[in-house]
Protein backbone atom coordinates (compact mmCIF):
# COMPACT_ATOMS: atom_id res chain seq x y z
CA MET A 1 127.14 120.65 2.44
CA THR A 2 127.09 118.30 -0.82
CA ALA A 3 124.16 116.28 -1.57
CA ALA A 4 125.09 113.04 -0.17
CA GLY A 5 124.17 114.34 3.75
CA PRO A 6 120.36 115.28 2.85
CA LEU A 7 120.08 112.45 0.72
CA ARG A 8 121.59 109.58 3.13
CA ARG A 9 119.27 111.31 5.84
CA LEU A 10 116.20 110.98 3.70
CA ALA A 11 116.98 107.33 3.02
CA VAL A 12 117.47 106.71 6.70
CA SER A 13 113.92 108.41 6.94
CA VAL A 14 112.62 106.32 4.47
CA ALA A 15 113.65 103.28 6.25
CA SER A 16 112.37 104.28 9.58
CA VAL A 17 109.01 104.99 8.29
CA ALA A 18 109.23 101.09 6.74
CA LEU A 19 110.78 99.97 9.63
CA ALA A 20 108.07 101.49 11.84
CA GLY A 21 105.71 99.03 10.10
CA VAL A 22 107.87 95.78 11.58
CA GLY A 23 107.40 96.99 14.95
CA VAL A 24 108.25 99.12 17.93
CA ALA A 25 109.68 96.93 20.60
CA GLY A 26 110.01 97.72 24.71
CA LEU A 27 109.92 100.93 26.11
CA GLY A 28 113.14 100.36 28.41
CA PRO A 29 113.24 100.90 31.99
CA ALA A 30 110.70 103.62 32.35
CA ASP A 31 110.02 102.52 35.97
CA GLY A 32 112.99 104.18 37.39
CA ARG A 33 115.39 101.05 37.23
CA ALA A 34 118.82 101.75 36.13
CA PHE A 35 120.44 100.47 32.22
CA PRO A 36 122.78 97.78 32.49
CA HIS A 37 126.16 99.14 33.01
CA PRO A 38 128.42 99.46 29.41
CA VAL A 39 131.13 96.99 29.19
CA PRO A 40 134.69 97.85 30.20
CA THR A 41 136.61 100.27 27.77
CA ALA A 42 139.56 98.38 25.60
CA ASP A 43 143.08 98.95 26.37
CA CYS A 44 144.71 100.13 23.21
CA GLY A 45 147.96 99.15 22.15
CA PRO A 46 150.44 100.38 19.81
CA GLY A 47 149.46 101.82 16.60
CA ALA A 48 146.08 103.16 17.76
CA ARG A 49 144.18 106.09 17.00
CA PRO A 50 142.14 106.15 19.65
CA GLU A 51 138.41 107.49 19.82
CA THR A 52 138.38 110.97 21.24
CA ASP A 53 135.27 110.76 23.55
CA VAL A 54 133.05 108.46 25.82
CA GLN A 55 133.18 104.97 24.29
CA GLY A 56 131.90 104.57 20.85
CA ARG A 57 131.06 108.56 20.27
CA VAL A 58 132.52 110.20 17.32
CA PRO A 59 131.78 113.73 18.49
CA ALA A 60 130.71 116.31 15.93
CA GLU A 61 133.94 118.11 16.84
CA ASP A 62 135.97 115.49 15.20
CA PHE A 63 134.17 116.15 11.87
CA GLU A 64 134.70 119.85 12.19
CA SER A 65 138.23 119.41 12.82
CA GLY A 66 139.07 116.72 10.16
CA ARG A 67 139.60 114.28 13.13
CA ALA A 68 136.91 111.75 11.89
CA ALA A 69 138.42 111.58 8.63
CA ARG A 70 141.51 109.72 9.94
CA GLY A 71 139.02 107.10 11.38
CA TYR A 72 139.50 105.12 15.13
CA ARG A 73 141.11 102.01 15.86
CA CYS A 74 142.11 100.13 18.65
CA ASN A 75 143.95 96.47 18.39
CA THR A 76 143.22 96.55 15.12
CA ARG A 77 144.64 97.84 11.83
CA PRO A 78 143.07 97.74 7.77
CA VAL A 79 144.20 95.07 5.88
CA GLY A 80 142.05 95.13 2.66
CA HIS A 81 139.46 97.58 1.53
CA LEU A 82 136.87 98.15 -1.30
CA ASP A 83 135.20 101.68 -1.77
CA GLY A 84 131.47 102.14 -2.11
CA THR A 85 128.77 100.94 0.31
CA GLY A 86 127.60 98.15 2.04
CA GLY A 87 124.74 96.41 3.43
CA PHE A 88 123.59 94.04 6.14
CA LYS A 89 125.66 91.01 5.82
CA VAL A 90 129.42 89.90 4.93
CA LEU A 91 129.80 86.23 4.71
CA ARG A 92 133.19 83.95 4.23
CA TYR A 93 133.28 80.64 2.36
CA VAL A 94 136.40 78.52 1.32
CA ASP A 95 135.18 76.29 -1.70
CA ALA A 96 136.69 72.57 -2.48
CA ARG A 97 139.66 73.79 -4.06
CA GLY A 98 140.74 76.03 -1.04
CA ARG A 99 139.63 79.42 -2.93
CA GLU A 100 138.76 82.03 -0.21
CA CYS A 101 135.60 84.25 -1.08
CA ALA A 102 133.67 86.82 0.62
CA TYR A 103 130.02 87.93 0.10
CA TYR A 104 128.12 91.04 0.51
CA ASP A 105 125.02 92.95 -0.41
CA ALA A 106 126.06 96.27 -1.85
CA SER A 107 123.13 98.11 -0.67
CA GLN A 108 120.96 98.54 2.46
CA ILE A 109 117.44 99.52 0.56
CA LEU A 110 116.06 97.95 -2.38
CA PRO A 111 118.37 97.55 -5.34
CA VAL A 112 120.25 100.93 -4.91
CA ALA A 113 122.10 102.29 -1.74
CA PRO A 114 121.93 105.69 -0.03
CA PRO A 115 122.86 107.93 -1.44
CA PHE A 116 121.29 106.79 -4.58
CA GLN A 117 124.28 106.74 -6.51
CA VAL A 118 124.00 110.43 -7.51
CA THR A 119 127.71 110.65 -5.81
CA GLY A 120 128.91 107.69 -7.65
CA ALA A 121 129.64 106.17 -4.20
CA SER A 122 127.64 103.18 -4.27
CA SER A 123 129.00 99.88 -5.27
CA GLY A 124 126.63 98.84 -7.34
CA GLN A 125 123.86 96.74 -7.24
CA GLY A 126 122.99 93.02 -6.02
CA VAL A 127 125.60 90.78 -3.77
CA ARG A 128 129.25 91.39 -4.66
CA VAL A 129 131.61 88.28 -4.83
CA VAL A 130 135.08 89.14 -3.93
CA ASP A 131 138.18 86.97 -4.40
CA MET A 132 140.06 87.04 -0.84
CA SER A 133 143.02 84.72 -1.92
CA ASP A 134 145.17 87.81 -0.80
CA PRO A 135 143.15 89.97 1.92
CA ALA A 136 145.40 92.56 1.17
CA GLU A 137 144.02 93.04 -2.48
CA PRO A 138 140.43 91.92 -2.53
CA VAL A 139 139.13 91.44 -6.07
CA VAL A 140 135.63 91.80 -7.30
CA THR A 141 134.76 88.70 -9.53
CA THR A 142 131.24 89.29 -10.16
CA SER A 143 128.06 90.88 -8.85
CA ILE A 144 124.95 88.84 -8.39
CA THR A 145 122.11 90.73 -9.95
CA THR A 146 119.35 88.06 -10.01
CA PRO A 147 115.77 89.49 -8.70
CA THR A 148 116.44 88.12 -5.00
CA MET A 149 119.84 89.20 -5.04
CA LEU A 150 119.17 92.76 -5.90
CA SER A 151 116.98 92.92 -2.47
CA PRO A 152 117.78 90.36 -0.08
CA HIS A 153 117.59 92.38 2.88
CA GLU A 154 118.77 90.61 6.28
CA SER A 155 118.59 87.19 4.75
CA LEU A 156 121.77 86.35 2.80
CA LEU A 157 123.29 83.20 4.44
CA VAL A 158 126.25 80.58 3.44
CA ASN A 159 125.85 77.14 4.79
CA GLU A 160 129.15 76.04 4.86
CA ARG A 161 128.56 72.13 5.21
CA ARG A 162 126.91 72.00 1.63
CA GLY A 163 128.83 74.95 -0.02
CA LEU A 164 125.42 76.90 -0.75
CA LEU A 165 124.51 80.51 -0.78
CA ALA A 166 120.78 81.78 -0.50
CA ALA A 167 118.44 84.58 0.29
CA VAL A 168 114.95 85.46 0.14
CA MET A 169 113.77 88.55 -1.73
CA GLY A 170 112.75 90.95 1.03
CA ASN A 171 112.78 94.80 2.40
CA ALA A 172 112.64 96.69 5.30
CA TYR A 173 108.89 95.56 5.92
CA SER A 174 108.71 92.44 4.01
CA SER A 175 108.61 91.29 0.10
CA ALA A 176 107.77 88.64 -2.35
CA GLY A 177 109.95 86.11 -0.58
CA VAL A 178 111.44 84.44 -3.62
CA LEU A 179 114.11 82.27 -2.54
CA GLU A 180 117.38 81.84 -4.71
CA VAL A 181 119.80 79.11 -3.77
CA TYR A 182 123.61 79.25 -5.40
CA ASP A 183 126.29 76.92 -5.61
CA ILE A 184 129.39 78.34 -4.34
CA ASP A 185 131.46 75.13 -3.80
CA THR A 186 132.54 74.14 -7.13
CA ASP A 187 134.05 78.08 -7.44
CA CYS A 188 133.29 80.28 -4.91
CA ARG A 189 134.52 82.93 -7.21
CA GLU A 190 131.70 82.50 -9.68
CA PRO A 191 128.18 81.36 -7.58
CA VAL A 192 125.83 79.05 -10.08
CA LEU A 193 122.28 79.47 -9.65
CA LEU A 194 120.35 76.13 -8.77
CA SER A 195 116.67 77.31 -8.30
CA ARG A 196 114.57 80.19 -7.76
CA THR A 197 110.99 79.21 -6.23
CA GLN A 198 108.40 81.19 -4.30
CA SER A 199 108.56 78.58 -1.45
CA ALA A 200 109.36 81.24 1.36
CA THR A 201 106.04 83.36 0.57
CA LEU A 202 107.25 86.32 1.95
CA GLY A 203 110.71 87.73 2.90
CA HIS A 204 112.91 89.89 5.16
CA GLU A 205 115.04 87.58 7.25
CA SER A 206 115.96 84.02 7.40
CA GLY A 207 118.06 80.97 9.15
CA TRP A 208 119.69 77.55 8.21
CA THR A 209 120.27 74.50 9.93
CA ARG A 210 124.02 73.41 10.31
CA ASP A 211 123.39 70.32 7.90
CA GLY A 212 122.34 72.77 5.37
CA LEU A 213 119.19 70.83 4.28
CA THR A 214 116.48 73.15 5.99
CA PHE A 215 115.93 77.08 5.45
CA TYR A 216 113.88 79.12 7.46
CA ALA A 217 112.52 82.51 6.21
CA ALA A 218 110.51 85.03 8.02
CA SER A 219 108.99 88.15 6.53
CA SER A 220 108.74 90.14 9.86
CA GLY A 221 105.98 92.88 8.90
CA GLY A 222 104.58 90.52 6.43
CA GLN A 223 104.04 88.06 9.73
CA THR A 224 105.11 84.94 7.92
CA PHE A 225 107.30 82.12 8.92
CA THR A 226 108.21 79.16 6.53
CA ALA A 227 110.57 76.29 6.80
CA ILE A 228 112.11 74.95 3.37
CA ASP A 229 113.20 71.37 2.29
CA LEU A 230 116.73 71.83 0.60
CA THR A 231 117.65 68.25 0.27
CA ASP A 232 117.89 68.83 -3.17
CA PRO A 233 118.49 72.42 -3.70
CA THR A 234 117.74 72.56 -7.28
CA ALA A 235 114.18 71.76 -6.34
CA PRO A 236 113.12 73.57 -2.73
CA VAL A 237 109.75 72.22 -1.22
CA GLN A 238 108.03 74.16 1.49
CA LEU A 239 107.29 71.72 4.56
CA PHE A 240 105.89 74.29 6.97
CA GLU A 241 103.95 77.52 6.83
CA GLN A 242 102.84 79.99 9.95
CA TYR A 243 100.88 83.37 9.54
CA ASN A 244 100.39 86.08 12.40
CA VAL A 245 103.99 85.63 14.04
CA ASN A 246 106.50 88.52 13.70
CA TYR A 247 110.08 86.66 13.77
CA HIS A 248 113.04 88.66 12.71
CA GLY A 249 116.48 86.99 12.81
CA MET A 250 116.53 83.02 13.21
CA ARG A 251 119.37 80.65 14.20
CA LEU A 252 119.26 77.11 15.26
CA SER A 253 120.89 74.35 17.95
CA PRO A 254 123.56 72.19 16.09
CA ASP A 255 120.96 69.06 15.84
CA GLY A 256 118.46 71.57 13.95
CA ARG A 257 115.66 70.72 16.60
CA THR A 258 115.60 74.28 18.40
CA LEU A 259 115.14 77.55 16.89
CA TYR A 260 115.86 80.68 18.26
CA ALA A 261 113.79 83.22 16.75
CA ALA A 262 114.25 87.40 17.53
CA HIS A 263 110.59 88.02 18.37
CA ILE A 264 109.32 91.38 17.55
CA GLY A 265 105.71 91.10 18.51
CA ASN A 266 102.41 90.41 16.42
CA ASP A 267 100.55 93.58 17.58
CA LEU A 268 101.60 96.34 14.98
CA THR A 269 99.26 98.99 16.63
CA ALA A 270 100.93 98.89 20.09
CA VAL A 271 103.36 100.63 21.43
CA GLN A 272 104.22 97.75 24.19
CA LEU A 273 104.46 95.09 22.01
CA PRO A 274 103.49 91.52 23.63
CA GLY A 275 106.40 89.00 23.95
CA GLU A 276 109.19 91.05 22.02
CA GLY A 277 112.80 89.69 22.74
CA LEU A 278 113.41 86.08 22.00
CA ARG A 279 111.12 83.03 21.40
CA ILE A 280 112.63 79.44 21.63
CA LEU A 281 110.51 77.34 19.46
CA ASP A 282 110.96 73.48 19.23
CA VAL A 283 111.12 72.29 15.55
CA SER A 284 112.15 68.69 15.67
CA GLU A 285 109.02 67.53 13.85
CA ILE A 286 110.40 69.97 10.98
CA GLN A 287 113.94 68.53 11.49
CA ASP A 288 112.64 64.91 11.20
CA ARG A 289 110.29 65.73 8.41
CA VAL A 290 107.01 64.53 9.90
CA GLU A 291 104.15 65.20 7.71
CA ASN A 292 102.00 68.49 8.17
CA PRO A 293 104.84 69.22 11.56
CA SER A 294 103.85 70.81 14.24
CA VAL A 295 105.95 73.67 16.21
CA THR A 296 105.75 74.34 20.00
CA VAL A 297 106.72 77.29 21.74
CA LEU A 298 109.33 76.37 24.23
CA SER A 299 109.71 80.13 25.99
CA ASN A 300 109.62 83.58 25.72
CA LEU A 301 112.05 85.80 27.29
CA THR A 302 111.93 90.00 27.15
CA TRP A 303 114.28 92.28 28.57
CA PRO A 304 113.45 95.66 30.01
CA GLU A 305 116.10 97.85 27.91
CA GLY A 306 115.17 96.57 24.70
CA SER A 307 114.42 97.85 21.16
CA ILE A 308 114.06 95.76 18.09
CA PRO A 309 115.53 91.95 18.36
CA GLN A 310 117.65 91.39 15.41
CA VAL A 311 119.40 87.89 16.09
CA ALA A 312 120.75 85.51 18.43
CA GLU A 313 123.90 83.31 17.58
CA PRO A 314 124.24 80.38 19.61
CA PHE A 315 127.45 79.36 21.34
CA ARG A 316 128.60 76.58 23.78
CA ARG A 317 130.54 76.93 26.96
CA ALA A 318 131.94 74.57 29.70
CA GLY A 319 129.08 72.46 28.90
CA ARG A 320 126.19 75.21 28.90
CA ASP A 321 124.40 76.66 26.29
CA TYR A 322 124.41 80.39 25.27
CA LEU A 323 123.10 83.00 22.78
CA PHE A 324 124.99 85.99 22.04
CA GLN A 325 121.76 88.13 21.25
CA VAL A 326 121.38 91.90 19.42
CA ASP A 327 118.68 94.48 19.28
CA GLU A 328 118.71 96.63 16.26
CA PHE A 329 118.50 100.35 16.66
CA SER A 330 116.30 102.48 19.11
CA THR A 331 112.97 102.74 20.07
CA VAL A 332 110.41 104.74 21.98
CA GLY A 333 111.70 107.07 24.60
CA LEU A 334 112.16 106.47 28.24
CA ASN A 335 109.02 107.75 29.28
CA GLY A 336 106.63 106.32 26.75
CA THR A 337 105.85 109.46 25.11
CA SER A 338 109.05 111.20 23.98
CA VAL A 339 109.45 111.79 20.32
CA ASP A 340 112.94 112.99 20.89
CA PRO A 341 115.45 110.40 19.39
CA ALA A 342 117.83 111.51 22.09
CA ASP A 343 115.34 109.80 24.44
CA TYR A 344 114.73 106.49 22.64
CA THR A 345 115.98 103.25 24.23
CA VAL A 346 119.28 101.34 22.79
CA GLY A 347 119.04 97.70 23.26
CA ALA A 348 122.31 96.86 22.48
CA ALA A 349 123.43 93.15 22.93
CA ARG A 350 123.28 90.63 25.51
CA ILE A 351 124.22 87.29 26.53
CA ILE A 352 121.65 84.66 27.09
CA ASP A 353 121.81 80.83 28.95
CA VAL A 354 119.64 78.62 27.14
CA THR A 355 120.77 75.34 28.48
CA ASP A 356 117.36 75.24 29.74
CA PRO A 357 115.46 76.22 26.58
CA ARG A 358 111.96 76.62 28.91
CA ARG A 359 113.84 78.66 31.19
CA PRO A 360 116.44 81.20 29.41
CA ARG A 361 118.06 84.06 31.45
CA VAL A 362 120.08 87.17 30.59
CA VAL A 363 123.56 86.51 32.09
CA SER A 364 125.05 89.85 31.06
CA SER A 365 124.57 92.83 28.86
CA VAL A 366 127.19 94.30 26.22
CA ARG A 367 126.65 97.93 25.74
CA LEU A 368 129.07 100.62 24.92
CA GLN A 369 128.64 104.00 27.08
CA VAL A 370 127.15 106.06 24.34
CA HIS A 371 124.33 103.44 24.32
CA GLN A 372 123.48 104.88 27.94
CA PRO A 373 120.40 107.30 28.32
CA ALA A 374 122.71 110.48 29.45
CA GLU A 375 125.58 109.74 27.03
CA ARG A 376 123.49 109.41 24.18
CA ARG A 377 121.43 112.64 24.82
CA ALA A 378 124.79 114.50 25.30
CA ALA A 379 125.54 112.82 21.67
CA ALA A 380 122.25 114.05 19.87
CA GLY A 381 123.88 117.21 18.09
CA ASP A 382 126.55 114.54 16.44
CA PRO A 383 126.23 113.82 12.60
CA GLY A 384 124.03 110.69 12.52
CA ALA A 385 123.32 110.46 15.89
CA SER A 386 119.63 111.99 15.63
CA SER A 387 118.46 108.90 13.51
CA PRO A 388 115.46 106.84 15.13
CA VAL A 389 116.72 104.00 13.70
CA GLY A 390 120.69 104.15 13.16
CA GLY A 391 123.24 106.52 15.05
CA TYR A 392 124.79 105.17 18.30
CA THR A 393 122.77 101.83 18.49
CA GLY A 394 123.35 98.10 17.35
CA HIS A 395 122.58 95.99 14.56
CA TYR A 396 124.24 92.87 13.79
CA CYS A 397 126.74 90.70 16.05
CA SER A 398 128.59 87.75 15.47
CA VAL A 399 131.00 84.75 16.78
CA PRO A 400 134.07 83.05 15.37
CA THR A 401 133.00 79.67 16.23
CA ARG A 402 130.02 78.17 18.44
CA ARG A 403 132.73 75.83 20.40
CA SER A 404 134.10 77.80 23.25
CA PRO A 405 134.27 81.37 21.50
CA ARG A 406 136.21 83.92 23.25
CA LEU A 407 135.39 86.89 21.22
CA ALA A 408 132.25 88.31 19.49
CA ALA A 409 132.27 90.98 17.27
CA CYS A 410 129.44 93.55 16.22
CA SER A 411 128.46 96.31 13.62
CA MET A 412 127.44 99.30 16.03
CA ILE A 413 126.24 101.72 13.20
CA ALA A 414 127.49 104.68 14.08
CA SER A 415 130.19 103.43 16.30
CA GLY A 416 131.88 101.10 13.71
CA LEU A 417 133.04 97.50 14.42
CA ARG A 418 133.47 96.51 18.14
CA VAL A 419 135.05 93.40 19.43
CA PHE A 420 134.26 91.91 22.84
CA ASP A 421 135.93 89.57 25.13
CA ILE A 422 133.42 86.56 26.13
CA SER A 423 135.73 84.29 27.76
CA ASP A 424 133.76 85.39 31.32
CA VAL A 425 130.05 85.18 29.95
CA ARG A 426 129.28 87.26 33.14
CA ARG A 427 131.68 90.08 32.50
CA PRO A 428 132.55 90.82 28.90
CA ARG A 429 134.51 93.62 27.95
CA GLU A 430 135.64 95.69 25.00
CA VAL A 431 139.12 94.80 23.68
CA ALA A 432 139.23 96.30 20.09
CA TYR A 433 137.02 98.54 17.59
CA PHE A 434 137.78 100.16 13.94
CA ASN A 435 135.69 102.70 12.91
CA MET A 436 135.87 104.52 9.69
CA PRO A 437 132.92 107.39 10.02
CA VAL A 438 133.88 109.36 6.87
CA ALA A 439 134.37 107.67 3.01
CA PRO A 440 137.60 108.13 1.20
CA GLY A 441 137.42 111.61 -0.42
CA THR A 442 134.64 112.98 1.49
CA GLU A 443 134.53 115.97 3.41
CA ALA A 444 134.50 115.05 6.84
CA ALA A 445 132.03 118.20 7.91
CA ASP A 446 129.48 116.61 5.31
CA SER A 447 129.73 113.19 6.53
CA GLY A 448 126.55 111.63 7.93
CA GLY A 449 128.88 109.44 10.40
CA ALA A 450 129.42 105.66 9.90
CA SER A 451 126.75 103.23 8.83
CA ALA A 452 128.01 99.99 10.16
CA TYR A 453 125.08 97.51 9.60
CA SER A 454 126.82 94.39 8.62
CA GLN A 455 127.34 90.79 10.09
CA PRO A 456 131.10 90.55 10.60
CA ALA A 457 132.68 87.22 8.91
CA TRP A 458 135.46 85.89 10.71
CA ASP A 459 138.94 84.98 8.88
CA LEU A 460 140.53 82.64 11.89
CA GLU A 461 143.88 81.85 9.57
CA GLY A 462 144.32 85.58 9.29
CA ARG A 463 143.29 86.67 12.54
CA SER A 464 140.70 89.17 10.84
CA ILE A 465 137.05 90.40 10.65
CA TRP A 466 135.38 91.39 7.58
CA TYR A 467 132.82 93.96 7.71
CA SER A 468 131.01 96.66 5.38
CA ASP A 469 129.90 99.83 6.10
CA GLU A 470 127.59 102.05 3.85
CA THR A 471 129.94 105.03 4.16
CA SER A 472 133.13 103.73 3.58
CA GLY A 473 132.79 100.03 1.83
CA PHE A 474 134.16 96.56 2.53
CA TRP A 475 136.94 96.30 5.42
CA ALA A 476 139.51 93.42 6.09
CA VAL A 477 140.35 94.41 9.59
CA ARG A 478 143.32 92.37 11.42
CA LEU A 479 143.49 92.04 15.37
CA THR A 480 146.42 93.44 16.70
CA ASN A 481 148.04 93.90 20.40
CA GLY A 482 147.65 90.12 21.61
CA VAL A 483 143.61 89.95 20.75
CA GLN A 484 144.30 87.91 17.84
CA ARG A 485 145.26 85.23 20.35
CA LEU A 486 141.91 85.10 21.59
CA LEU A 487 140.79 83.37 18.40
CA ARG A 488 142.84 80.38 19.35
């Protein structure tokens, strides 16, 4: 076995210790209730390299035989690729002159990526800026290696309306929270630093209003929540600060008056955290720039099969408001006492109706077969599957548009990029996937499996999805066999 395998597992172990400080979410249905069913499997058309086991699984036998090295795809095909590593976000922006760019963090942990560059596999440091004028030939124009961009953790975001890129310094628990704001509209290939301030207090995750005037930062383990005025992006001003709340990813309603927070919970010593799941906040006084604004909790929502709430993406369909919400990783065992990762609960994803923000309700779940308890135990010996924070679990999802999207895409760590038809919000189904569990040039048997953590980005004109994998780098993936028509 090469050094890459042990070092990758070491890195995940370090991350799991840090993430344990962020909070361990709900226990799952320990009272005997059934888990939600997995979504129907995709019907693969021509050109497929289908999975050989249950939905989402890459069995150990495929690594041993070399099958895993060929990858798995269904109703997708690769368009462009950059070798190396990737972190938590892939973002897309088209600037004022029509130039198309991608942005992604090159590492998951601090300024270096597992396996700590020992094998030369790392993409380097900071946030990579990619010219996507020809998606088949992506070109890295620069890497942003300023202090925050060396370790943005999960906070990196683009505001399309104002052409700004921003992040706060973060890590798996929390960090200094230095906010950096860049102009990417003048030339998306060469971001220009506009400001660097301590306005976020501490950092880990973030949110941004559609109008681009208010940036929110949450430090998760640091238990801080701040709102920052970016009316003048060269001079950010803190508008609001709150302590003793443990929020993760945050998204906002189109008018910026309602905030949807992935709520991890406050009590870091408890096994069952209070209130973990979704918290909906009235932030209208912040949006209206009321002096000394108040923030009101409108509702809290939990679900029994939860893990760590990651983020909830808003969308609207037929006059109703929804969230496509995803949990990351897996958590404490079904019986509340098991320390075997095979028994840990996978929260995966769900669709939540928030038309009445005071009475949100889950309308459907988005899970793969390999996320189910019995299948998870059967897959426990697969490469990467034994990680308590990774393996066959969820991490980030996104929708291509907030107005009546018919697709959603998720990075589901060891299962790669998964694409779901959400035309019927009560009956989502999988329609495509793309999974490269082995880095180019790596022996299959030595691989720790896929490590797809990133929020996917959508290229609607190209009928493509962009995402990154810590194992195999940045990918532009085109939808095929009619699935692309769901983007219209």
